[in-house]
Amino acid sequence: LATSSTAGLGSHGDVLRQIEEASKSRPAELAVLLSHLLRGTTPPFWGGYYLQRIVPRLAAAGVDVSGIIEEALRLGHAGAVEWAKAPIPADDPDA
């Protein structure tokens, strides 16, 4: 239902922080939702900090993050290619 219509993220929203908190449960579904939201997002996009924290957790759970990385690159986050290889952030309780 959430991906059946066009959607995107605002430049300065709080949705990514909430997705980061929820990414421990249902990582595959969250990756699909996040990829969909990023596809509908237009620059400028300032959520790279949260994506940089979310992507390693999703990748560690075995989720395909290529769509998220592709959209992050389109939105101007050149370092996104490295996010899937990064460890889960040290301040994360699951690190």
Protein backbone atom coordinates (compact mmCIF):
# COMPACT_ATOMS: atom_id res chain seq x y z
CA LEU A 1 0.00 0.00 0.00
CA ALA A 2 2.76 2.45 0.92
CA THR A 3 4.51 1.98 -2.41
CA SER A 4 1.39 2.06 -4.59
CA SER A 5 1.50 5.83 -5.01
CA THR A 6 4.20 8.39 -5.64
CA ALA A 7 5.91 9.61 -2.50
CA GLY A 8 9.16 11.25 -1.48
CA LEU A 9 11.09 12.71 1.42
CA GLY A 10 11.41 16.37 2.25
CA SER A 11 14.80 18.03 2.46
CA HIS A 12 14.71 18.22 6.26
CA GLY A 13 12.33 15.56 7.52
CA ASP A 14 12.31 13.25 10.52
CA VAL A 15 11.14 10.14 8.67
CA LEU A 16 14.65 8.73 8.20
CA ARG A 17 15.34 8.88 11.92
CA GLN A 18 12.18 6.87 12.52
CA ILE A 19 13.14 4.42 9.77
CA GLU A 20 16.57 4.04 11.35
CA GLU A 21 14.95 3.09 14.65
CA ALA A 22 12.61 0.62 12.94
CA SER A 23 15.20 -0.94 10.64
CA LYS A 24 15.98 -3.71 13.13
CA SER A 25 12.59 -5.28 12.53
CA ARG A 26 11.43 -6.07 9.00
CA PRO A 27 14.55 -4.81 7.23
CA ALA A 28 13.51 -6.12 3.79
CA GLU A 29 10.19 -4.26 3.88
CA LEU A 30 11.86 -1.09 5.11
CA ALA A 31 14.42 -1.27 2.29
CA VAL A 32 11.60 -1.43 -0.28
CA LEU A 33 9.81 1.50 1.36
CA LEU A 34 12.98 3.55 1.65
CA SER A 35 13.95 2.91 -1.96
CA HIS A 36 10.46 3.98 -3.03
CA LEU A 37 10.56 7.16 -0.96
CA LEU A 38 14.01 8.09 -2.25
CA ARG A 39 12.88 7.54 -5.85
CA GLY A 40 10.29 10.28 -5.36
CA THR A 41 12.68 12.64 -3.57
CA THR A 42 14.17 15.66 -5.31
CA PRO A 43 17.41 17.45 -4.44
CA PRO A 44 18.50 19.05 -2.29
CA PHE A 45 18.33 16.13 0.10
CA TRP A 46 20.06 16.36 3.46
CA GLY A 47 19.27 12.89 4.82
CA GLY A 48 22.59 11.28 3.92
CA TYR A 49 23.59 11.06 7.58
CA TYR A 50 20.67 8.76 8.34
CA LEU A 51 21.07 6.74 5.16
CA GLN A 52 24.71 6.21 6.05
CA ARG A 53 23.52 4.67 9.33
CA ILE A 54 20.59 2.67 7.92
CA VAL A 55 22.25 1.05 4.90
CA PRO A 56 24.93 -0.92 6.83
CA ARG A 57 22.29 -2.41 9.11
CA LEU A 58 20.11 -3.42 6.17
CA ALA A 59 23.10 -4.86 4.29
CA ALA A 60 24.20 -6.81 7.39
CA ALA A 61 20.70 -8.34 7.49
CA GLY A 62 21.22 -9.59 3.94
CA VAL A 63 18.89 -7.06 2.34
CA ASP A 64 19.54 -5.80 -1.19
CA VAL A 65 20.37 -2.12 -0.73
CA SER A 66 21.31 -1.39 -4.33
CA GLY A 67 18.12 0.63 -4.98
CA ILE A 68 18.77 2.80 -1.94
CA ILE A 69 22.37 3.37 -2.97
CA GLU A 70 21.36 4.19 -6.54
CA GLU A 71 18.88 6.80 -5.34
CA ALA A 72 21.35 8.24 -2.82
CA LEU A 73 23.87 8.68 -5.64
CA ARG A 74 21.23 10.41 -7.76
CA LEU A 75 20.53 12.74 -4.84
CA GLY A 76 24.18 13.76 -4.66
CA HIS A 77 25.65 11.47 -1.99
CA ALA A 78 28.78 10.30 -3.79
CA GLY A 79 29.96 8.14 -0.86
CA ALA A 80 26.83 5.98 -0.95
CA VAL A 81 28.64 3.18 -2.79
CA GLU A 82 30.68 2.51 0.36
CA TRP A 83 27.73 2.47 2.78
CA ALA A 84 26.84 -1.20 2.22
CA LYS A 85 30.42 -2.21 3.08
CA ALA A 86 30.56 -0.08 6.23
CA PRO A 87 30.15 -1.57 9.70
CA ILE A 88 27.05 -0.80 11.73
CA PRO A 89 27.78 2.55 13.46
CA ALA A 90 29.62 2.13 16.76
CA ASP A 91 26.99 4.06 18.74
CA ASP A 92 24.34 1.59 17.60
CA PRO A 93 23.41 -0.87 20.36
CA ASP A 94 23.60 -3.72 17.81
CA ALA A 95 27.15 -2.85 16.72
